[in-house]
Amino acid sequence: MTDIVKLERQLKAGRRSQEKAYQNRKAKLRENYRYAREKGFCATDAQLLSFHTREDIDKLAEFQGL
């Protein structure tokens, strides 16, 4: 019985960890989206760029003269 309880606790801890990682990833995507918009990219481009680093966004903005 105690093995089942331990396993259940591990599953719950794993779910919490996954949820936290998911929330952190969403926050980072939103942050990069806003950053790209501030650099002058349209909404569609900013959405695509949200998956890249700020350095990549800066380089592309400089390249495009934004």
PDB file of N, CA and C in Angstrom:
ATOM      1  N   MET A   1       0.815  -1.204   0.000  1.00  0.00           N
ATOM      2  CA  MET A   1       0.000   0.000   0.000  1.00  0.00           C
ATOM      3  C   MET A   1       0.859   1.269   0.000  1.00  0.00           C
ATOM      4  N   THR A   2       1.951   1.264   0.723  1.00  0.00           N
ATOM      5  CA  THR A   2       2.782   2.459   0.776  1.00  0.00           C
ATOM      6  C   THR A   2       3.458   2.736  -0.559  1.00  0.00           C
ATOM      7  N   ASP A   3       3.751   1.693  -1.332  1.00  0.00           N
ATOM      8  CA  ASP A   3       4.341   1.897  -2.654  1.00  0.00           C
ATOM      9  C   ASP A   3       3.367   2.639  -3.568  1.00  0.00           C
ATOM     10  N   ILE A   4       2.100   2.325  -3.456  1.00  0.00           N
ATOM     11  CA  ILE A   4       1.086   2.993  -4.273  1.00  0.00           C
ATOM     12  C   ILE A   4       0.983   4.461  -3.874  1.00  0.00           C
ATOM     13  N   VAL A   5       1.032   4.733  -2.595  1.00  0.00           N
ATOM     14  CA  VAL A   5       0.965   6.112  -2.106  1.00  0.00           C
ATOM     15  C   VAL A   5       2.185   6.887  -2.601  1.00  0.00           C
ATOM     16  N   LYS A   6       3.370   6.284  -2.536  1.00  0.00           N
ATOM     17  CA  LYS A   6       4.575   6.938  -3.029  1.00  0.00           C
ATOM     18  C   LYS A   6       4.471   7.230  -4.519  1.00  0.00           C
ATOM     19  N   LEU A   7       3.975   6.254  -5.262  1.00  0.00           N
ATOM     20  CA  LEU A   7       3.827   6.427  -6.703  1.00  0.00           C
ATOM     21  C   LEU A   7       2.850   7.550  -7.024  1.00  0.00           C
ATOM     22  N   GLU A   8       1.749   7.594  -6.287  1.00  0.00           N
ATOM     23  CA  GLU A   8       0.772   8.661  -6.501  1.00  0.00           C
ATOM     24  C   GLU A   8       1.382  10.027  -6.201  1.00  0.00           C
ATOM     25  N   ARG A   9       2.157  10.127  -5.145  1.00  0.00           N
ATOM     26  CA  ARG A   9       2.813  11.395  -4.809  1.00  0.00           C
ATOM     27  C   ARG A   9       3.801  11.798  -5.895  1.00  0.00           C
ATOM     28  N   GLN A  10       4.538  10.820  -6.424  1.00  0.00           N
ATOM     29  CA  GLN A  10       5.478  11.110  -7.495  1.00  0.00           C
ATOM     30  C   GLN A  10       4.753  11.614  -8.738  1.00  0.00           C
ATOM     31  N   LEU A  11       3.629  11.005  -9.054  1.00  0.00           N
ATOM     32  CA  LEU A  11       2.847  11.443 -10.206  1.00  0.00           C
ATOM     33  C   LEU A  11       2.349  12.872 -10.025  1.00  0.00           C
ATOM     34  N   LYS A  12       1.845  13.177  -8.843  1.00  0.00           N
ATOM     35  CA  LYS A  12       1.364  14.525  -8.570  1.00  0.00           C
ATOM     36  C   LYS A  12       2.486  15.545  -8.649  1.00  0.00           C
ATOM     37  N   ALA A  13       3.654  15.186  -8.106  1.00  0.00           N
ATOM     38  CA  ALA A  13       4.802  16.087  -8.165  1.00  0.00           C
ATOM     39  C   ALA A  13       5.236  16.292  -9.618  1.00  0.00           C
ATOM     40  N   GLY A  14       5.221  15.237 -10.386  1.00  0.00           N
ATOM     41  CA  GLY A  14       5.573  15.341 -11.803  1.00  0.00           C
ATOM     42  C   GLY A  14       4.615  16.235 -12.563  1.00  0.00           C
ATOM     43  N   ARG A  15       3.329  16.107 -12.276  1.00  0.00           N
ATOM     44  CA  ARG A  15       2.328  16.954 -12.934  1.00  0.00           C
ATOM     45  C   ARG A  15       2.528  18.418 -12.574  1.00  0.00           C
ATOM     46  N   ARG A  16       2.811  18.675 -11.303  1.00  0.00           N
ATOM     47  CA  ARG A  16       3.060  20.062 -10.876  1.00  0.00           C
ATOM     48  C   ARG A  16       4.289  20.628 -11.584  1.00  0.00           C
ATOM     49  N   SER A  17       5.310  19.814 -11.691  1.00  0.00           N
ATOM     50  CA  SER A  17       6.532  20.247 -12.363  1.00  0.00           C
ATOM     51  C   SER A  17       6.268  20.541 -13.838  1.00  0.00           C
ATOM     52  N   GLN A  18       5.519  19.690 -14.498  1.00  0.00           N
ATOM     53  CA  GLN A  18       5.181  19.908 -15.897  1.00  0.00           C
ATOM     54  C   GLN A  18       4.339  21.158 -16.073  1.00  0.00           C
ATOM     55  N   GLU A  19       3.396  21.371 -15.201  1.00  0.00           N
ATOM     56  CA  GLU A  19       2.533  22.548 -15.286  1.00  0.00           C
ATOM     57  C   GLU A  19       3.352  23.823 -15.096  1.00  0.00           C
ATOM     58  N   LYS A  20       4.281  23.796 -14.148  1.00  0.00           N
ATOM     59  CA  LYS A  20       5.120  24.963 -13.920  1.00  0.00           C
ATOM     60  C   LYS A  20       5.998  25.240 -15.141  1.00  0.00           C
ATOM     61  N   ALA A  21       6.578  24.205 -15.717  1.00  0.00           N
ATOM     62  CA  ALA A  21       7.403  24.373 -16.922  1.00  0.00           C
ATOM     63  C   ALA A  21       6.565  24.922 -18.074  1.00  0.00           C
ATOM     64  N   TYR A  22       5.341  24.446 -18.214  1.00  0.00           N
ATOM     65  CA  TYR A  22       4.438  24.918 -19.262  1.00  0.00           C
ATOM     66  C   TYR A  22       4.113  26.401 -19.070  1.00  0.00           C
ATOM     67  N   GLN A  23       3.820  26.792 -17.850  1.00  0.00           N
ATOM     68  CA  GLN A  23       3.500  28.188 -17.559  1.00  0.00           C
ATOM     69  C   GLN A  23       4.717  29.091 -17.816  1.00  0.00           C
ATOM     70  N   ASN A  24       5.897  28.615 -17.445  1.00  0.00           N
ATOM     71  CA  ASN A  24       7.119  29.387 -17.693  1.00  0.00           C
ATOM     72  C   ASN A  24       7.359  29.561 -19.187  1.00  0.00           C
ATOM     73  N   ARG A  25       7.127  28.510 -19.961  1.00  0.00           N
ATOM     74  CA  ARG A  25       7.322  28.573 -21.408  1.00  0.00           C
ATOM     75  C   ARG A  25       6.340  29.555 -22.046  1.00  0.00           C
ATOM     76  N   LYS A  26       5.088  29.509 -21.613  1.00  0.00           N
ATOM     77  CA  LYS A  26       4.088  30.445 -22.138  1.00  0.00           C
ATOM     78  C   LYS A  26       4.470  31.882 -21.820  1.00  0.00           C
ATOM     79  N   ALA A  27       4.964  32.113 -20.619  1.00  0.00           N
ATOM     80  CA  ALA A  27       5.360  33.462 -20.221  1.00  0.00           C
ATOM     81  C   ALA A  27       6.525  33.953 -21.079  1.00  0.00           C
ATOM     82  N   LYS A  28       7.474  33.081 -21.361  1.00  0.00           N
ATOM     83  CA  LYS A  28       8.618  33.451 -22.194  1.00  0.00           C
ATOM     84  C   LYS A  28       8.174  33.773 -23.620  1.00  0.00           C
ATOM     85  N   LEU A  29       7.243  32.994 -24.160  1.00  0.00           N
ATOM     86  CA  LEU A  29       6.729  33.258 -25.499  1.00  0.00           C
ATOM     87  C   LEU A  29       6.024  34.611 -25.555  1.00  0.00           C
ATOM     88  N   ARG A  30       5.216  34.910 -24.540  1.00  0.00           N
ATOM     89  CA  ARG A  30       4.524  36.203 -24.495  1.00  0.00           C
ATOM     90  C   ARG A  30       5.527  37.353 -24.397  1.00  0.00           C
ATOM     91  N   GLU A  31       6.559  37.155 -23.579  1.00  0.00           N
ATOM     92  CA  GLU A  31       7.585  38.177 -23.409  1.00  0.00           C
ATOM     93  C   GLU A  31       8.317  38.434 -24.728  1.00  0.00           C
ATOM     94  N   ASN A  32       8.695  37.380 -25.433  1.00  0.00           N
ATOM     95  CA  ASN A  32       9.388  37.540 -26.712  1.00  0.00           C
ATOM     96  C   ASN A  32       8.465  38.151 -27.771  1.00  0.00           C
ATOM     97  N   TYR A  33       7.189  37.803 -27.730  1.00  0.00           N
ATOM     98  CA  TYR A  33       6.219  38.390 -28.661  1.00  0.00           C
ATOM     99  C   TYR A  33       6.154  39.908 -28.452  1.00  0.00           C
ATOM    100  N   ARG A  34       6.002  40.313 -27.213  1.00  0.00           N
ATOM    101  CA  ARG A  34       5.939  41.747 -26.911  1.00  0.00           C
ATOM    102  C   ARG A  34       7.224  42.454 -27.324  1.00  0.00           C
ATOM    103  N   TYR A  35       8.341  41.811 -27.090  1.00  0.00           N
ATOM    104  CA  TYR A  35       9.629  42.392 -27.457  1.00  0.00           C
ATOM    105  C   TYR A  35       9.719  42.600 -28.969  1.00  0.00           C
ATOM    106  N   ALA A  36       9.306  41.596 -29.724  1.00  0.00           N
ATOM    107  CA  ALA A  36       9.330  41.706 -31.186  1.00  0.00           C
ATOM    108  C   ALA A  36       8.388  42.807 -31.664  1.00  0.00           C
ATOM    109  N   ARG A  37       7.231  42.927 -31.041  1.00  0.00           N
ATOM    110  CA  ARG A  37       6.291  43.991 -31.414  1.00  0.00           C
ATOM    111  C   ARG A  37       6.893  45.359 -31.132  1.00  0.00           C
ATOM    112  N   GLU A  38       7.572  45.488 -29.989  1.00  0.00           N
ATOM    113  CA  GLU A  38       8.216  46.753 -29.649  1.00  0.00           C
ATOM    114  C   GLU A  38       9.316  47.102 -30.643  1.00  0.00           C
ATOM    115  N   LYS A  39       9.928  46.089 -31.225  1.00  0.00           N
ATOM    116  CA  LYS A  39      10.982  46.311 -32.218  1.00  0.00           C
ATOM    117  C   LYS A  39      10.402  46.706 -33.574  1.00  0.00           C
ATOM    118  N   GLY A  40       9.078  46.623 -33.726  1.00  0.00           N
ATOM    119  CA  GLY A  40       8.439  47.075 -34.948  1.00  0.00           C
ATOM    120  C   GLY A  40       7.923  45.978 -35.862  1.00  0.00           C
ATOM    121  N   PHE A  41       7.973  44.740 -35.423  1.00  0.00           N
ATOM    122  CA  PHE A  41       7.465  43.650 -36.250  1.00  0.00           C
ATOM    123  C   PHE A  41       5.946  43.591 -36.176  1.00  0.00           C
ATOM    124  N   CYS A  42       5.330  43.162 -37.282  1.00  0.00           N
ATOM    125  CA  CYS A  42       3.873  43.002 -37.284  1.00  0.00           C
ATOM    126  C   CYS A  42       3.504  41.816 -36.383  1.00  0.00           C
ATOM    127  N   ALA A  43       2.225  41.684 -36.075  1.00  0.00           N
ATOM    128  CA  ALA A  43       1.767  40.645 -35.148  1.00  0.00           C
ATOM    129  C   ALA A  43       2.123  39.242 -35.627  1.00  0.00           C
ATOM    130  N   THR A  44       1.957  38.988 -36.921  1.00  0.00           N
ATOM    131  CA  THR A  44       2.247  37.661 -37.452  1.00  0.00           C
ATOM    132  C   THR A  44       3.733  37.335 -37.320  1.00  0.00           C
ATOM    133  N   ASP A  45       4.574  38.279 -37.686  1.00  0.00           N
ATOM    134  CA  ASP A  45       6.020  38.060 -37.572  1.00  0.00           C
ATOM    135  C   ASP A  45       6.433  37.928 -36.103  1.00  0.00           C
ATOM    136  N   ALA A  46       5.851  38.736 -35.246  1.00  0.00           N
ATOM    137  CA  ALA A  46       6.175  38.676 -33.819  1.00  0.00           C
ATOM    138  C   ALA A  46       5.803  37.320 -33.234  1.00  0.00           C
ATOM    139  N   GLN A  47       4.692  36.768 -33.705  1.00  0.00           N
ATOM    140  CA  GLN A  47       4.290  35.452 -33.223  1.00  0.00           C
ATOM    141  C   GLN A  47       5.322  34.401 -33.619  1.00  0.00           C
ATOM    142  N   LEU A  48       5.796  34.466 -34.831  1.00  0.00           N
ATOM    143  CA  LEU A  48       6.834  33.525 -35.274  1.00  0.00           C
ATOM    144  C   LEU A  48       8.143  33.753 -34.521  1.00  0.00           C
ATOM    145  N   LEU A  49       8.479  35.003 -34.310  1.00  0.00           N
ATOM    146  CA  LEU A  49       9.726  35.325 -33.623  1.00  0.00           C
ATOM    147  C   LEU A  49       9.692  35.020 -32.129  1.00  0.00           C
ATOM    148  N   SER A  50       8.517  34.853 -31.569  1.00  0.00           N
ATOM    149  CA  SER A  50       8.420  34.579 -30.136  1.00  0.00           C
ATOM    150  C   SER A  50       9.114  33.272 -29.760  1.00  0.00           C
ATOM    151  N   PHE A  51       9.354  32.416 -30.738  1.00  0.00           N
ATOM    152  CA  PHE A  51      10.031  31.143 -30.485  1.00  0.00           C
ATOM    153  C   PHE A  51      11.550  31.271 -30.558  1.00  0.00           C
ATOM    154  N   HIS A  52      12.042  32.479 -30.815  1.00  0.00           N
ATOM    155  CA  HIS A  52      13.474  32.708 -30.945  1.00  0.00           C
ATOM    156  C   HIS A  52      13.972  33.578 -29.801  1.00  0.00           C
ATOM    157  N   THR A  53      15.283  33.709 -29.718  1.00  0.00           N
ATOM    158  CA  THR A  53      15.878  34.504 -28.641  1.00  0.00           C
ATOM    159  C   THR A  53      15.794  35.998 -28.957  1.00  0.00           C
ATOM    160  N   ARG A  54      15.981  36.794 -27.924  1.00  0.00           N
ATOM    161  CA  ARG A  54      16.007  38.244 -28.112  1.00  0.00           C
ATOM    162  C   ARG A  54      17.154  38.648 -29.034  1.00  0.00           C
ATOM    163  N   GLU A  55      18.252  37.943 -28.933  1.00  0.00           N
ATOM    164  CA  GLU A  55      19.399  38.238 -29.802  1.00  0.00           C
ATOM    165  C   GLU A  55      19.019  38.033 -31.265  1.00  0.00           C
ATOM    166  N   ASP A  56      18.302  36.955 -31.549  1.00  0.00           N
ATOM    167  CA  ASP A  56      17.850  36.708 -32.923  1.00  0.00           C
ATOM    168  C   ASP A  56      16.890  37.802 -33.384  1.00  0.00           C
ATOM    169  N   ILE A  57      15.999  38.205 -32.501  1.00  0.00           N
ATOM    170  CA  ILE A  57      15.039  39.267 -32.832  1.00  0.00           C
ATOM    171  C   ILE A  57      15.783  40.564 -33.110  1.00  0.00           C
ATOM    172  N   ASP A  58      16.772  40.879 -32.269  1.00  0.00           N
ATOM    173  CA  ASP A  58      17.570  42.093 -32.471  1.00  0.00           C
ATOM    174  C   ASP A  58      18.309  42.059 -33.805  1.00  0.00           C
ATOM    175  N   LYS A  59      18.932  40.917 -34.110  1.00  0.00           N
ATOM    176  CA  LYS A  59      19.674  40.796 -35.361  1.00  0.00           C
ATOM    177  C   LYS A  59      18.763  40.990 -36.572  1.00  0.00           C
ATOM    178  N   LEU A  60      17.594  40.374 -36.544  1.00  0.00           N
ATOM    179  CA  LEU A  60      16.664  40.498 -37.658  1.00  0.00           C
ATOM    180  C   LEU A  60      16.142  41.934 -37.780  1.00  0.00           C
ATOM    181  N   ALA A  61      15.852  42.553 -36.650  1.00  0.00           N
ATOM    182  CA  ALA A  61      15.373  43.940 -36.671  1.00  0.00           C
ATOM    183  C   ALA A  61      16.444  44.854 -37.256  1.00  0.00           C
ATOM    184  N   GLU A  62      17.685  44.633 -36.866  1.00  0.00           N
ATOM    185  CA  GLU A  62      18.785  45.441 -37.406  1.00  0.00           C
ATOM    186  C   GLU A  62      18.937  45.192 -38.902  1.00  0.00           C
ATOM    187  N   PHE A  63      18.853  43.937 -39.310  1.00  0.00           N
ATOM    188  CA  PHE A  63      18.987  43.577 -40.704  1.00  0.00           C
ATOM    189  C   PHE A  63      17.891  44.223 -41.562  1.00  0.00           C
ATOM    190  N   GLN A  64      16.675  44.280 -41.010  1.00  0.00           N
ATOM    191  CA  GLN A  64      15.553  44.863 -41.740  1.00  0.00           C
ATOM    192  C   GLN A  64      15.452  46.362 -41.563  1.00  0.00           C
ATOM    193  N   GLY A  65      16.314  46.921 -40.749  1.00  0.00           N
ATOM    194  CA  GLY A  65      16.303  48.370 -40.540  1.00  0.00           C
ATOM    195  C   GLY A  65      15.159  48.859 -39.682  1.00  0.00           C
ATOM    196  N   LEU A  66      14.707  48.037 -38.769  1.00  0.00           N
ATOM    197  CA  LEU A  66      13.608  48.446 -37.861  1.00  0.00           C
ATOM    198  C   LEU A  66      14.159  49.117 -36.619  1.00  0.00           C
TER     199      LEU A  66
END
